[in-house]
Amino acid sequence: MYLPSVIDQAKVLITVKAYPKPSSRYDELVCTAGLLDGNKWIRIYPVPFRFIGNNQKYPKYSWINVDLVRTAGDFRPESYRPKLGLDEDFNIGAKLGTDDSWAARKSFVMQEVFLSMNEIIDLAYGDMRKSLATLKPKEIIDFEIEETTREWKEKWQNTALQSSFEDLNKSGEAIQRDLVNKVPYNYYYHFITEGDDKPRRLKIEDWEIGALYWNCLRRTNFDEVAANLLVKNMYWDNFVNNKELYFFLGTTLQFHSIHAPNPFIIIGVFYPQKSDQLSLFQTSS
């Protein structure tokens, strides 16, 4: 067994927060993931991240402690949910900084890095059923921006509208919570990995890229073309050319369960500054 079915006060280094999505059962949920005890991947879902108290909103690369149980109906071994569901408390600890080219973060994230997409897919469909991994692409070919629908599915909107009036303020009045804005664009990296040199195209579903789009849209007076140029400047010009770029990959339950040729999406990117390499011939004085 990958991990026990119940983990009391699990200590997790959070490395991934996916973009919020409406839910047919709840208002809106976020899938988060990280490294249990700093070394084993674990997925934590559901978390109503935008609607929990500010003292519960853990940032990426922070340590949290939370009681977890295996997610029923999800065969992926890394999948857990908060023990008390949406009422679970998260105890937030220290956040790892970015000093020395992200050395502290690298010490955990880079313990297991794959170079081959084929190897990760094989592990996903083997006995391990691996559904989370860190990948170092051999070469990034392109960054694609694709226009998509501008509204959430109607059934999600209706569910959110109905459930948004269930909370009451101190005066007994219903509180309406706005549905998270849907990003009207999809973003993809095209890349190849070691071993097969097969071009891959994976969607990026990180909260960071969604938040970046909305920030850029405001900066450009709501010019979507200009906003997307700024997004591309960050994810292509900056990350690809100036950073050591790694992908955090995760499977979707739907595509993993039907054995899709590639069940993974990019759920986060890891982009430390390129570190200066000492010359092999340098000697200490």
Protein backbone atom coordinates (compact mmCIF):
# COMPACT_ATOMS: atom_id res chain seq x y z
CA MET A 1 0.00 0.00 0.00
CA TYR A 2 1.30 3.44 -0.94
CA LEU A 3 0.07 5.12 2.27
CA PRO A 4 -2.25 4.14 5.15
CA SER A 5 -5.97 4.75 4.76
CA VAL A 6 -6.02 7.26 7.62
CA ILE A 7 -3.26 9.79 8.29
CA ASP A 8 -3.71 11.81 11.47
CA GLN A 9 -2.03 15.20 11.46
CA ALA A 10 -0.44 14.61 8.08
CA LYS A 11 2.47 16.97 7.54
CA VAL A 12 2.36 18.13 3.91
CA LEU A 13 4.49 20.57 1.95
CA ILE A 14 1.96 22.16 -0.42
CA THR A 15 3.33 22.51 -3.96
CA VAL A 16 0.15 22.59 -6.08
CA LYS A 17 -3.12 24.53 -6.05
CA ALA A 18 -5.31 23.99 -9.09
CA TYR A 19 -7.66 26.68 -10.40
CA PRO A 20 -11.01 26.61 -8.53
CA LYS A 21 -13.93 24.88 -10.21
CA PRO A 22 -17.65 24.82 -9.41
CA SER A 23 -18.91 21.54 -8.02
CA SER A 24 -22.21 19.72 -8.42
CA ARG A 25 -22.12 18.87 -4.70
CA TYR A 26 -20.52 21.99 -3.24
CA ASP A 27 -20.16 25.65 -4.15
CA GLU A 28 -16.62 25.53 -5.45
CA LEU A 29 -13.62 23.35 -4.81
CA VAL A 30 -9.86 23.37 -5.23
CA CYS A 31 -7.57 20.38 -5.66
CA THR A 32 -4.29 20.78 -3.84
CA ALA A 33 -1.29 18.48 -3.74
CA GLY A 34 2.07 18.28 -2.08
CA LEU A 35 4.67 16.09 -0.46
CA LEU A 36 3.75 14.13 2.66
CA ASP A 37 6.60 14.49 5.15
CA GLY A 38 8.42 16.20 2.30
CA ASN A 39 8.88 13.07 0.20
CA LYS A 40 5.70 11.26 -0.92
CA TRP A 41 3.14 12.82 -3.25
CA ILE A 42 -0.36 13.25 -1.86
CA ARG A 43 -3.52 14.84 -3.27
CA ILE A 44 -5.93 16.71 -0.96
CA TYR A 45 -9.46 17.20 -2.30
CA PRO A 46 -11.95 18.77 -1.80
CA VAL A 47 -10.97 22.11 -0.28
CA PRO A 48 -13.33 25.14 -0.59
CA PHE A 49 -10.26 27.35 -0.63
CA ARG A 50 -11.75 30.76 -1.46
CA PHE A 51 -14.38 30.47 1.26
CA ILE A 52 -12.35 29.27 4.24
CA GLY A 53 -11.02 31.74 6.79
CA ASN A 54 -7.89 33.72 5.99
CA ASN A 55 -6.05 31.93 8.80
CA GLN A 56 -6.75 28.65 6.96
CA LYS A 57 -5.58 29.73 3.51
CA TYR A 58 -2.24 28.03 3.13
CA PRO A 59 0.16 29.43 0.49
CA LYS A 60 2.18 27.23 -1.82
CA TYR A 61 5.44 25.91 -0.38
CA SER A 62 4.08 26.13 3.15
CA TRP A 63 3.84 23.21 5.55
CA ILE A 64 0.39 22.24 6.78
CA ASN A 65 -0.89 19.70 9.28
CA VAL A 66 -4.29 18.13 8.64
CA ASP A 67 -6.15 14.88 9.36
CA LEU A 68 -6.69 12.94 6.14
CA VAL A 69 -8.53 9.81 4.98
CA ARG A 70 -8.39 7.94 1.69
CA THR A 71 -10.89 9.14 -0.88
CA ALA A 72 -13.63 6.58 -1.48
CA GLY A 73 -14.26 5.87 -5.15
CA ASP A 74 -10.85 7.13 -6.26
CA PHE A 75 -8.43 4.33 -7.13
CA ARG A 76 -5.43 6.68 -7.31
CA PRO A 77 -3.25 5.88 -4.28
CA GLU A 78 -2.31 9.52 -3.59
CA SER A 79 -5.93 10.72 -3.26
CA TYR A 80 -7.08 11.82 0.20
CA ARG A 81 -9.74 14.11 1.62
CA PRO A 82 -9.85 16.11 4.85
CA LYS A 83 -11.15 13.83 7.61
CA LEU A 84 -13.94 16.22 8.65
CA GLY A 85 -14.71 17.17 5.08
CA LEU A 86 -15.30 20.87 4.50
CA ASP A 87 -15.18 21.51 8.28
CA GLU A 88 -11.57 20.34 8.66
CA ASP A 89 -9.03 22.72 10.17
CA PHE A 90 -5.65 23.27 8.52
CA ASN A 91 -2.74 24.13 10.77
CA ILE A 92 -0.33 26.24 8.73
CA GLY A 93 3.38 26.15 9.44
CA ALA A 94 6.46 27.76 7.91
CA LYS A 95 6.74 28.67 4.25
CA LEU A 96 9.87 27.77 2.29
CA GLY A 97 11.48 30.79 0.67
CA THR A 98 13.31 31.39 -2.61
CA ASP A 99 16.84 32.13 -1.37
CA ASP A 100 19.83 30.57 -3.12
CA SER A 101 17.91 29.71 -6.32
CA TRP A 102 15.07 28.09 -4.34
CA ALA A 103 17.46 25.72 -2.56
CA ALA A 104 15.05 24.89 0.29
CA ARG A 105 12.22 24.08 -2.11
CA LYS A 106 14.50 22.07 -4.40
CA SER A 107 15.64 19.92 -1.48
CA PHE A 108 12.13 18.42 -1.36
CA VAL A 109 10.73 18.83 -4.89
CA MET A 110 13.72 17.33 -6.67
CA GLN A 111 13.97 14.11 -4.67
CA GLU A 112 12.17 12.28 -7.51
CA VAL A 113 12.28 13.86 -10.96
CA PHE A 114 11.34 11.97 -14.12
CA LEU A 115 12.88 12.68 -17.53
CA SER A 116 10.59 10.45 -19.59
CA MET A 117 6.87 10.95 -20.14
CA ASN A 118 6.60 7.33 -21.26
CA GLU A 119 7.95 6.15 -17.91
CA ILE A 120 5.39 8.18 -15.97
CA ILE A 121 2.51 6.88 -18.11
CA ASP A 122 3.72 3.30 -17.67
CA LEU A 123 3.70 3.81 -13.89
CA ALA A 124 0.19 5.28 -14.07
CA TYR A 125 -1.11 2.12 -15.71
CA GLY A 126 1.04 -0.34 -13.79
CA ASP A 127 0.55 -1.73 -10.29
CA MET A 128 1.66 1.57 -8.78
CA ARG A 129 -1.18 3.54 -10.45
CA LYS A 130 0.94 6.64 -10.08
CA SER A 131 -1.05 9.84 -10.58
CA LEU A 132 1.32 12.60 -9.41
CA ALA A 133 4.88 13.25 -10.54
CA THR A 134 7.56 15.85 -11.26
CA LEU A 135 8.86 15.98 -14.84
CA LYS A 136 11.88 17.74 -16.33
CA PRO A 137 11.17 18.18 -20.06
CA LYS A 138 14.04 17.74 -22.49
CA GLU A 139 12.90 20.64 -24.65
CA ILE A 140 9.92 22.99 -24.58
CA ILE A 141 8.72 23.64 -28.11
CA ASP A 142 5.84 26.05 -27.73
CA PHE A 143 3.37 27.78 -25.43
CA GLU A 144 -0.16 27.67 -26.85
CA ILE A 145 -3.11 29.90 -26.01
CA GLU A 146 -6.53 28.57 -27.02
CA GLU A 147 -9.80 30.45 -26.65
CA THR A 148 -12.50 28.43 -24.90
CA THR A 149 -15.97 28.85 -23.39
CA ARG A 150 -16.53 31.89 -21.23
CA GLU A 151 -19.05 30.45 -18.79
CA TRP A 152 -19.13 27.40 -16.56
CA LYS A 153 -21.53 24.59 -17.40
CA GLU A 154 -25.12 25.62 -16.73
CA LYS A 155 -25.68 22.87 -14.16
CA TRP A 156 -22.63 24.09 -12.20
CA GLN A 157 -23.92 27.65 -12.29
CA ASN A 158 -27.36 26.58 -11.08
CA THR A 159 -25.94 24.49 -8.25
CA ALA A 160 -23.67 27.30 -7.14
CA LEU A 161 -26.54 29.82 -7.26
CA GLN A 162 -28.77 27.61 -5.12
CA SER A 163 -26.15 26.70 -2.53
CA SER A 164 -24.73 30.22 -2.31
CA PHE A 165 -27.73 31.32 -0.24
CA GLU A 166 -27.34 28.61 2.41
CA ASP A 167 -24.94 30.61 4.62
CA LEU A 168 -26.32 33.27 6.94
CA ASN A 169 -24.65 36.33 8.39
CA LYS A 170 -25.00 37.40 12.03
CA SER A 171 -28.31 39.09 11.23
CA GLY A 172 -29.73 35.89 9.78
CA GLU A 173 -29.55 37.15 6.23
CA ALA A 174 -28.46 34.92 3.38
CA ILE A 175 -24.94 35.47 2.06
CA GLN A 176 -24.44 35.11 -1.68
CA ARG A 177 -20.98 34.01 -2.74
CA ASP A 178 -19.92 34.90 -6.26
CA LEU A 179 -18.94 32.05 -8.55
CA VAL A 180 -15.25 32.16 -9.44
CA ASN A 181 -14.62 33.71 -12.86
CA LYS A 182 -13.94 31.22 -15.61
CA VAL A 183 -10.74 31.92 -17.55
CA PRO A 184 -11.84 32.10 -21.22
CA TYR A 185 -8.57 30.64 -22.46
CA ASN A 186 -6.75 27.35 -22.14
CA TYR A 187 -2.97 27.29 -21.92
CA TYR A 188 -0.70 24.47 -23.06
CA TYR A 189 2.96 23.59 -23.14
CA HIS A 190 4.28 21.64 -26.13
CA PHE A 191 7.42 19.70 -25.27
CA ILE A 192 9.45 16.54 -25.68
CA THR A 193 11.07 14.30 -23.06
CA GLU A 194 13.97 11.90 -22.96
CA GLY A 195 13.69 8.53 -24.64
CA ASP A 196 11.04 9.03 -27.29
CA ASP A 197 11.29 12.63 -28.54
CA LYS A 198 7.53 12.49 -29.16
CA PRO A 199 5.93 15.94 -29.15
CA ARG A 200 3.53 16.30 -26.21
CA ARG A 201 0.80 18.86 -25.60
CA LEU A 202 -0.43 19.22 -22.02
CA LYS A 203 -2.90 21.67 -20.56
CA ILE A 204 -1.84 23.86 -17.62
CA GLU A 205 -4.46 23.99 -14.84
CA ASP A 206 -2.51 25.77 -12.14
CA TRP A 207 -4.20 28.51 -10.09
CA GLU A 208 -1.18 30.71 -10.79
CA ILE A 209 -1.80 30.95 -14.51
CA GLY A 210 -5.48 31.78 -14.01
CA ALA A 211 -4.66 34.46 -11.46
CA LEU A 212 -1.96 35.82 -13.78
CA TYR A 213 -4.46 36.19 -16.62
CA TRP A 214 -6.91 38.21 -14.49
CA ASN A 215 -4.10 40.42 -13.16
CA CYS A 216 -2.79 41.04 -16.68
CA LEU A 217 -6.30 41.77 -17.92
CA ARG A 218 -6.69 44.53 -15.34
CA ARG A 219 -3.23 45.91 -16.14
CA THR A 220 -4.09 46.17 -19.85
CA ASN A 221 -7.49 47.86 -19.40
CA PHE A 222 -9.25 44.58 -20.19
CA ASP A 223 -7.54 44.06 -23.53
CA GLU A 224 -7.52 40.26 -23.77
CA VAL A 225 -4.93 40.12 -26.55
CA ALA A 226 -2.53 42.31 -24.60
CA ALA A 227 -3.23 40.35 -21.40
CA ASN A 228 -2.36 37.07 -23.09
CA LEU A 229 0.85 38.55 -24.45
CA LEU A 230 1.85 39.23 -20.85
CA VAL A 231 0.90 35.68 -19.84
CA LYS A 232 3.02 34.32 -22.68
CA ASN A 233 5.86 36.62 -21.69
CA MET A 234 5.89 34.99 -18.27
CA TYR A 235 5.37 31.33 -19.24
CA TRP A 236 7.45 31.38 -22.42
CA ASP A 237 9.95 34.23 -22.47
CA ASN A 238 10.68 34.19 -18.75
CA PHE A 239 10.18 30.61 -17.59
CA VAL A 240 11.56 28.82 -20.65
CA ASN A 241 14.49 31.14 -21.28
CA ASN A 242 15.50 32.20 -17.78
CA LYS A 243 14.39 29.46 -15.39
CA GLU A 244 14.99 25.81 -14.63
CA LEU A 245 11.52 24.65 -15.61
CA TYR A 246 9.86 21.53 -14.20
CA PHE A 247 6.25 20.36 -14.47
CA PHE A 248 4.11 19.03 -11.65
CA LEU A 249 1.89 16.46 -13.37
CA GLY A 250 -1.37 14.95 -12.19
CA THR A 251 -3.92 12.63 -13.78
CA THR A 252 -7.60 13.40 -14.06
CA LEU A 253 -9.73 10.65 -12.54
CA GLN A 254 -11.80 10.48 -15.73
CA PHE A 255 -8.93 9.92 -18.16
CA HIS A 256 -6.90 7.75 -15.81
CA SER A 257 -9.88 5.42 -15.30
CA ILE A 258 -10.48 4.93 -19.04
CA HIS A 259 -6.79 4.36 -19.81
CA ALA A 260 -6.44 7.38 -22.05
CA PRO A 261 -3.12 7.43 -23.97
CA ASN A 262 -1.96 10.23 -21.67
CA PRO A 263 -4.06 10.86 -18.54
CA PHE A 264 -1.86 13.68 -17.21
CA ILE A 265 -2.21 17.45 -17.17
CA ILE A 266 0.19 20.08 -15.83
CA ILE A 267 -1.14 21.01 -12.40
CA GLY A 268 1.76 23.31 -11.55
CA VAL A 269 5.13 24.55 -12.70
CA PHE A 270 8.33 24.75 -10.69
CA TYR A 271 10.60 27.53 -11.93
CA PRO A 272 13.67 28.26 -9.80
CA GLN A 273 16.20 30.74 -11.09
CA LYS A 274 19.02 29.08 -12.98
CA SER A 275 21.85 28.61 -10.53
CA ASP A 276 25.40 29.58 -11.40
CA GLN A 277 27.49 26.52 -12.04
CA LEU A 278 31.01 26.38 -10.69
CA SER A 279 33.69 25.49 -13.18
CA LEU A 280 34.80 21.89 -13.04
CA PHE A 281 38.34 23.17 -12.97
CA GLN A 282 37.86 25.70 -10.16
CA THR A 283 40.06 25.06 -7.15
CA SER A 284 39.68 26.45 -3.66
CA SER A 285 42.32 28.79 -2.37
